[in-house]
Amino acid sequence: MNYKVIENLLGDIYQFGFDNIIIIAIFWIIIMFFFLRQLSKRDNEFYLKDFFKKNK
């Protein structure tokens, strides 16, 4: 099979990332901020849950 199209596509993406490393770094920080904020919110809700509370 000929994987030249996929190879060129991944090469272009890789080259774009290295040419615009500042933009990629800022984008990465924004994504990590969003995901870590969502994760910390869920973790805090789990931590604050009272497992030993008696149900009435």
Protein backbone atom coordinates (compact mmCIF):
# COMPACT_ATOMS: atom_id res chain seq x y z
CA MET A 1 0.00 0.00 0.00
CA ASN A 2 1.09 3.53 -0.66
CA TYR A 3 1.06 5.74 2.45
CA LYS A 4 2.57 8.79 0.76
CA VAL A 5 -0.56 10.93 1.31
CA ILE A 6 -0.63 10.21 5.05
CA GLU A 7 3.13 10.69 5.27
CA ASN A 8 2.88 14.10 3.57
CA LEU A 9 -0.06 15.14 5.75
CA LEU A 10 1.72 14.24 8.99
CA GLY A 11 4.91 15.86 7.72
CA ASP A 12 3.02 19.08 6.98
CA ILE A 13 1.42 19.08 10.45
CA TYR A 14 4.80 18.40 12.05
CA GLN A 15 6.44 21.18 10.04
CA PHE A 16 3.64 23.63 10.88
CA GLY A 17 4.11 22.85 14.58
CA PHE A 18 7.82 23.59 14.43
CA ASP A 19 7.36 26.73 12.33
CA ASN A 20 4.74 28.14 14.72
CA ILE A 21 5.95 26.80 18.05
CA ILE A 22 4.79 29.89 19.99
CA ILE A 23 1.21 29.54 18.71
CA ILE A 24 1.23 25.82 19.47
CA ALA A 25 2.58 26.46 22.99
CA ILE A 26 -0.13 29.03 23.74
CA PHE A 27 -2.80 26.72 22.33
CA TRP A 28 -1.44 23.84 24.45
CA ILE A 29 -1.55 25.96 27.63
CA ILE A 30 -5.15 26.98 26.93
CA ILE A 31 -6.22 23.36 26.34
CA MET A 32 -4.43 22.11 29.48
CA PHE A 33 -5.95 24.95 31.54
CA PHE A 34 -9.44 23.97 30.38
CA PHE A 35 -8.99 20.23 30.95
CA LEU A 36 -7.26 20.59 34.32
CA ARG A 37 -9.95 23.00 35.51
CA GLN A 38 -12.67 20.50 34.58
CA LEU A 39 -10.76 17.68 36.25
CA SER A 40 -10.15 19.66 39.43
CA LYS A 41 -13.83 20.58 39.62
CA ARG A 42 -14.85 16.91 39.43
CA ASP A 43 -12.14 15.91 41.88
CA ASN A 44 -13.28 18.58 44.35
CA GLU A 45 -16.90 17.42 44.10
CA PHE A 46 -15.75 13.85 44.72
CA TYR A 47 -13.62 14.94 47.69
CA LEU A 48 -16.46 16.92 49.25
CA LYS A 49 -18.93 14.04 48.91
CA ASP A 50 -19.73 12.57 52.31
CA PHE A 51 -19.65 8.80 51.91
CA PHE A 52 -20.57 8.12 55.52
CA LYS A 53 -23.69 10.30 55.55
CA LYS A 54 -26.78 8.38 56.60
CA ASN A 55 -29.68 8.54 54.18
CA LYS A 56 -33.01 9.41 55.76
